[in-house]
C-alpha atoms as a PDB file:
ATOM      1  CA  MET A   1      48.567 -54.140  47.662  1.00  0.00           C
ATOM      2  CA  TYR A   2      45.448 -53.332  50.240  1.00  0.00           C
ATOM      3  CA  VAL A   3      44.957 -49.940  51.589  1.00  0.00           C
ATOM      4  CA  TRP A   4      43.357 -49.092  54.882  1.00  0.00           C
ATOM      5  CA  ILE A   5      42.105 -45.801  56.262  1.00  0.00           C
ATOM      6  CA  GLY A   6      41.440 -44.856  59.688  1.00  0.00           C
ATOM      7  CA  CYS A   7      41.085 -42.153  62.562  1.00  0.00           C
ATOM      8  CA  LYS A   8      43.494 -42.212  64.885  1.00  0.00           C
ATOM      9  CA  LEU A   9      42.001 -42.043  68.652  1.00  0.00           C
ATOM     10  CA  PRO A  10      44.024 -39.939  71.266  1.00  0.00           C
ATOM     11  CA  GLU A  11      46.991 -41.879  72.447  1.00  0.00           C
ATOM     12  CA  SER A  12      45.846 -40.923  76.338  1.00  0.00           C
ATOM     13  CA  PHE A  13      42.617 -43.159  75.735  1.00  0.00           C
ATOM     14  CA  GLU A  14      44.593 -45.896  73.865  1.00  0.00           C
ATOM     15  CA  ARG A  15      46.678 -46.302  76.849  1.00  0.00           C
ATOM     16  CA  GLU A  16      43.778 -46.421  78.995  1.00  0.00           C
ATOM     17  CA  ILE A  17      41.783 -48.997  77.050  1.00  0.00           C
ATOM     18  CA  ARG A  18      44.550 -51.034  76.116  1.00  0.00           C
ATOM     19  CA  THR A  19      46.012 -51.353  79.907  1.00  0.00           C
ATOM     20  CA  LEU A  20      42.543 -52.426  80.804  1.00  0.00           C
ATOM     21  CA  CYS A  21      42.405 -54.900  78.157  1.00  0.00           C
ATOM     22  CA  LEU A  22      45.693 -56.358  78.169  1.00  0.00           C
ATOM     23  CA  LYS A  23      45.747 -56.814  81.956  1.00  0.00           C
ATOM     24  CA  GLU A  24      42.658 -58.965  81.831  1.00  0.00           C
ATOM     25  CA  ASN A  25      43.678 -60.997  78.676  1.00  0.00           C
ATOM     26  CA  ASP A  26      46.717 -62.280  80.704  1.00  0.00           C
ATOM     27  CA  ASN A  27      44.078 -64.805  81.760  1.00  0.00           C
ATOM     28  CA  LEU A  28      41.784 -65.019  78.549  1.00  0.00           C
ATOM     29  CA  GLN A  29      44.482 -65.294  75.873  1.00  0.00           C
ATOM     30  CA  LEU A  30      42.508 -63.522  73.000  1.00  0.00           C
ATOM     31  CA  ASP A  31      43.868 -62.576  69.779  1.00  0.00           C
ATOM     32  CA  THR A  32      45.604 -59.142  70.419  1.00  0.00           C
ATOM     33  CA  ALA A  33      46.120 -58.538  66.364  1.00  0.00           C
ATOM     34  CA  ALA A  34      43.612 -55.515  66.387  1.00  0.00           C
ATOM     35  CA  PHE A  35      46.206 -54.073  69.161  1.00  0.00           C
ATOM     36  CA  GLU A  36      49.204 -54.065  66.084  1.00  0.00           C
ATOM     37  CA  LEU A  37      47.622 -50.686  64.736  1.00  0.00           C
ATOM     38  CA  PRO A  38      47.253 -47.707  66.708  1.00  0.00           C
ATOM     39  CA  GLN A  39      43.502 -47.486  68.579  1.00  0.00           C
ATOM     40  CA  HIS A  40      41.368 -46.252  65.702  1.00  0.00           C
ATOM     41  CA  ILE A  41      37.987 -45.767  63.878  1.00  0.00           C
ATOM     42  CA  SER A  42      37.771 -47.381  60.657  1.00  0.00           C
ATOM     43  CA  LEU A  43      36.677 -45.102  57.952  1.00  0.00           C
ATOM     44  CA  LYS A  44      36.208 -47.615  55.318  1.00  0.00           C
ATOM     45  CA  ILE A  45      36.541 -51.152  54.414  1.00  0.00           C
ATOM     46  CA  SER A  46      39.914 -51.899  53.161  1.00  0.00           C
ATOM     47  CA  PHE A  47      40.421 -52.301  49.590  1.00  0.00           C
ATOM     48  CA  GLU A  48      43.017 -53.663  46.984  1.00  0.00           C
ATOM     49  CA  THR A  49      44.672 -51.484  44.171  1.00  0.00           C
ATOM     50  CA  ALA A  50      47.526 -51.748  42.166  1.00  0.00           C
ATOM     51  CA  GLU A  51      47.609 -48.247  42.137  1.00  0.00           C
ATOM     52  CA  HIS A  52      48.468 -47.907  45.964  1.00  0.00           C
ATOM     53  CA  GLU A  53      51.040 -45.140  45.752  1.00  0.00           C
ATOM     54  CA  ALA A  54      49.008 -42.811  43.939  1.00  0.00           C
ATOM     55  CA  VAL A  55      45.746 -43.641  46.099  1.00  0.00           C
ATOM     56  CA  LEU A  56      47.814 -42.707  49.305  1.00  0.00           C
ATOM     57  CA  GLU A  57      48.764 -39.479  47.673  1.00  0.00           C
ATOM     58  CA  ASP A  58      45.351 -38.458  47.051  1.00  0.00           C
ATOM     59  CA  LEU A  59      44.184 -39.862  50.311  1.00  0.00           C
ATOM     60  CA  THR A  60      46.755 -37.791  51.847  1.00  0.00           C
ATOM     61  CA  ALA A  61      45.696 -34.662  50.143  1.00  0.00           C
ATOM     62  CA  PHE A  62      42.205 -35.362  50.791  1.00  0.00           C
ATOM     63  CA  LEU A  63      42.836 -35.772  54.615  1.00  0.00           C
ATOM     64  CA  SER A  64      45.332 -33.110  54.908  1.00  0.00           C
ATOM     65  CA  ALA A  65      42.507 -30.716  54.073  1.00  0.00           C
ATOM     66  CA  GLN A  66      40.009 -31.996  56.945  1.00  0.00           C
ATOM     67  CA  HIS A  67      39.464 -30.396  60.375  1.00  0.00           C
ATOM     68  CA  PRO A  68      39.573 -31.765  63.806  1.00  0.00           C
ATOM     69  CA  PHE A  69      36.363 -33.156  65.035  1.00  0.00           C
ATOM     70  CA  ALA A  70      34.645 -35.001  67.908  1.00  0.00           C
ATOM     71  CA  VAL A  71      33.225 -38.366  68.174  1.00  0.00           C
ATOM     72  CA  SER A  72      31.563 -40.174  70.977  1.00  0.00           C
ATOM     73  CA  ILE A  73      32.789 -43.662  71.827  1.00  0.00           C
ATOM     74  CA  GLU A  74      30.352 -45.840  73.695  1.00  0.00           C
ATOM     75  CA  ASN A  75      30.999 -48.659  75.825  1.00  0.00           C
ATOM     76  CA  PRO A  76      32.283 -52.095  74.440  1.00  0.00           C
ATOM     77  CA  SER A  77      29.788 -54.490  72.730  1.00  0.00           C
ATOM     78  CA  ARG A  78      30.119 -57.921  70.953  1.00  0.00           C
ATOM     79  CA  SER A  79      29.066 -58.424  67.358  1.00  0.00           C
ATOM     80  CA  GLY A  80      29.638 -61.963  66.537  1.00  0.00           C
ATOM     81  CA  ASN A  81      33.534 -62.501  66.958  1.00  0.00           C
ATOM     82  CA  ILE A  82      34.279 -59.069  67.394  1.00  0.00           C
ATOM     83  CA  LEU A  83      34.881 -56.997  70.607  1.00  0.00           C
ATOM     84  CA  TRP A  84      34.430 -53.232  69.822  1.00  0.00           C
ATOM     85  CA  MET A  85      33.477 -49.735  70.913  1.00  0.00           C
ATOM     86  CA  SER A  86      30.634 -48.494  68.611  1.00  0.00           C
ATOM     87  CA  VAL A  87      30.737 -44.964  67.967  1.00  0.00           C
ATOM     88  CA  GLU A  88      27.549 -42.635  68.023  1.00  0.00           C
ATOM     89  CA  GLU A  89      26.261 -41.514  64.606  1.00  0.00           C
ATOM     90  CA  ASN A  90      28.189 -38.708  63.375  1.00  0.00           C
ATOM     91  CA  ASP A  91      27.699 -36.602  60.284  1.00  0.00           C
ATOM     92  CA  THR A  92      31.202 -35.828  59.938  1.00  0.00           C
ATOM     93  CA  LEU A  93      32.177 -39.550  59.855  1.00  0.00           C
ATOM     94  CA  HIS A  94      29.378 -40.401  57.297  1.00  0.00           C
ATOM     95  CA  GLN A  95      30.459 -37.364  55.008  1.00  0.00           C
ATOM     96  CA  LEU A  96      34.142 -38.514  55.314  1.00  0.00           C
ATOM     97  CA  HIS A  97      33.180 -41.853  54.422  1.00  0.00           C
ATOM     98  CA  ASN A  98      31.124 -40.936  51.469  1.00  0.00           C
ATOM     99  CA  ASP A  99      34.023 -38.547  50.168  1.00  0.00           C
ATOM    100  CA  LEU A 100      36.221 -41.355  50.289  1.00  0.00           C
ATOM    101  CA  ASP A 101      33.941 -43.403  48.402  1.00  0.00           C
ATOM    102  CA  THR A 102      33.531 -41.084  45.836  1.00  0.00           C
ATOM    103  CA  LEU A 103      37.121 -39.981  45.658  1.00  0.00           C
ATOM    104  CA  LEU A 104      38.259 -43.715  44.926  1.00  0.00           C
ATOM    105  CA  GLN A 105      35.643 -44.254  42.574  1.00  0.00           C
ATOM    106  CA  ASP A 106      35.995 -41.040  40.380  1.00  0.00           C
ATOM    107  CA  ARG A 107      39.986 -41.161  40.461  1.00  0.00           C
ATOM    108  CA  PHE A 108      40.842 -44.923  40.817  1.00  0.00           C
ATOM    109  CA  CYS A 109      37.505 -47.215  39.527  1.00  0.00           C
ATOM    110  CA  ILE A 110      37.578 -48.452  43.235  1.00  0.00           C
ATOM    111  CA  PRO A 111      34.011 -49.686  43.738  1.00  0.00           C
ATOM    112  CA  GLN A 112      31.904 -49.186  46.922  1.00  0.00           C
ATOM    113  CA  HIS A 113      32.168 -52.409  48.840  1.00  0.00           C
ATOM    114  CA  ALA A 114      28.918 -54.038  49.961  1.00  0.00           C
ATOM    115  CA  PHE A 115      29.823 -53.304  53.762  1.00  0.00           C
ATOM    116  CA  ASP A 116      30.456 -49.730  52.879  1.00  0.00           C
ATOM    117  CA  LYS A 117      26.580 -49.155  52.316  1.00  0.00           C
ATOM    118  CA  ALA A 118      25.880 -49.464  55.614  1.00  0.00           C
ATOM    119  CA  PHE A 119      28.923 -48.831  57.273  1.00  0.00           C
ATOM    120  CA  LEU A 120      28.990 -49.188  60.987  1.00  0.00           C
ATOM    121  CA  PHE A 121      31.873 -46.930  62.376  1.00  0.00           C
ATOM    122  CA  HIS A 122      33.702 -48.566  65.575  1.00  0.00           C
ATOM    123  CA  SER A 123      36.977 -49.148  67.139  1.00  0.00           C
ATOM    124  CA  THR A 124      37.967 -52.875  67.460  1.00  0.00           C
ATOM    125  CA  LEU A 125      39.348 -54.153  70.672  1.00  0.00           C
ATOM    126  CA  PHE A 126      39.641 -58.103  69.903  1.00  0.00           C
ATOM    127  CA  ILE A 127      38.511 -60.303  66.939  1.00  0.00           C
ATOM    128  CA  ASP A 128      38.530 -63.979  68.053  1.00  0.00           C
ATOM    129  CA  ASP A 129      36.565 -66.936  67.441  1.00  0.00           C
ATOM    130  CA  ASN A 130      36.539 -67.846  71.252  1.00  0.00           C
ATOM    131  CA  THR A 131      32.980 -65.960  71.821  1.00  0.00           C
ATOM    132  CA  GLU A 132      33.112 -67.158  75.644  1.00  0.00           C
ATOM    133  CA  ASN A 133      36.309 -65.112  76.449  1.00  0.00           C
ATOM    134  CA  LEU A 134      35.065 -62.377  74.410  1.00  0.00           C
ATOM    135  CA  GLU A 135      32.148 -62.295  76.415  1.00  0.00           C
ATOM    136  CA  ALA A 136      34.288 -62.621  79.777  1.00  0.00           C
ATOM    137  CA  MET A 137      36.277 -59.684  78.388  1.00  0.00           C
ATOM    138  CA  LEU A 138      33.079 -57.690  77.856  1.00  0.00           C
ATOM    139  CA  ASP A 139      31.724 -58.544  81.344  1.00  0.00           C
ATOM    140  CA  PHE A 140      35.172 -57.257  82.810  1.00  0.00           C
ATOM    141  CA  LEU A 141      35.000 -54.001  80.964  1.00  0.00           C
ATOM    142  CA  ARG A 142      31.361 -53.364  81.839  1.00  0.00           C
ATOM    143  CA  PRO A 143      32.222 -51.470  85.041  1.00  0.00           C
ATOM    144  CA  TYR A 144      34.655 -49.010  83.541  1.00  0.00           C
ATOM    145  CA  PRO A 145      33.579 -45.575  82.329  1.00  0.00           C
ATOM    146  CA  ILE A 146      34.742 -45.977  78.721  1.00  0.00           C
ATOM    147  CA  ALA A 147      32.015 -43.828  76.894  1.00  0.00           C
ATOM    148  CA  ARG A 148      33.198 -40.493  76.144  1.00  0.00           C
ATOM    149  CA  GLU A 149      33.593 -37.845  73.599  1.00  0.00           C
ATOM    150  CA  LEU A 150      37.033 -37.535  72.041  1.00  0.00           C
ATOM    151  CA  THR A 151      38.724 -35.306  69.334  1.00  0.00           C
ATOM    152  CA  VAL A 152      40.071 -36.751  66.127  1.00  0.00           C
ATOM    153  CA  ASP A 153      42.850 -34.881  64.783  1.00  0.00           C
ATOM    154  CA  THR A 154      44.836 -37.557  63.115  1.00  0.00           C
ATOM    155  CA  PHE A 155      44.250 -39.938  60.016  1.00  0.00           C
ATOM    156  CA  LEU A 156      45.969 -43.217  59.418  1.00  0.00           C
ATOM    157  CA  LEU A 157      46.760 -44.821  56.324  1.00  0.00           C
ATOM    158  CA  GLY A 158      47.833 -48.426  56.268  1.00  0.00           C
ATOM    159  CA  LEU A 159      49.139 -51.118  53.742  1.00  0.00           C
ATOM    160  CA  SER A 160      49.031 -54.719  53.570  1.00  0.00           C
ATOM    161  CA  GLU A 161      50.175 -57.371  51.159  1.00  0.00           C
ATOM    162  CA  THR A 162      47.263 -59.711  52.059  1.00  0.00           C
ATOM    163  CA  GLY A 163      44.485 -57.808  53.126  1.00  0.00           C
ATOM    164  CA  ALA A 164      44.454 -60.176  56.405  1.00  0.00           C
ATOM    165  CA  ALA A 165      43.768 -59.057  59.742  1.00  0.00           C
ATOM    166  CA  GLY A 166      46.770 -58.332  61.430  1.00  0.00           C
ATOM    167  CA  SER A 167      48.641 -57.930  58.659  1.00  0.00           C
ATOM    168  CA  TYR A 168      48.560 -54.172  57.951  1.00  0.00           C
ATOM    169  CA  ARG A 169      51.148 -51.522  58.946  1.00  0.00           C
ATOM    170  CA  VAL A 170      50.676 -47.734  59.271  1.00  0.00           C
ATOM    171  CA  VAL A 171      52.292 -46.011  56.493  1.00  0.00           C
ATOM    172  CA  ARG A 172      51.188 -42.502  57.095  1.00  0.00           C
ATOM    173  CA  GLN A 173      49.885 -40.249  59.883  1.00  0.00           C
ATOM    174  CA  ILE A 174      48.193 -37.249  58.827  1.00  0.00           C
ATOM    175  CA  GLN A 175      47.806 -34.619  61.793  1.00  0.00           C
ATOM    176  CA  VAL A 176      45.331 -32.031  60.744  1.00  0.00           C
END
């Protein structure tokens, strides 16, 4: 089973950004699989484990002990086939990421993924191979004031049998 960890963004922000994106996407037809999960900031590259129940318990205990914190979401940008909103450098996110890597390595021998060594915090809007339509969506979103500071007060844990994009389901929401 594959495990995924994220910070849930406030529902009011999620409704706003998705209303904009989905309205324009009626014409562009980009893949909306990223919208199958709540709008979030990923905290770590997903990972496979046979001990997912024990991992979920330890992650729940760890995340339950956290406190709300602020993040600054930046305007959308494109990186390859991903349209995302990057997150301004944030000590709290980096510390959470490092603590999660340590917890998973120490308790379950789950090594740090190569992408975890230089993790880029972001909130994905679309993953699609149609880069022309991704650029069109980015052009559409540019005039909107999306960048802002938000408060994270909920963590998400998800599972997937395959680890494929669009296959994860949220199994726990941990409000702090």
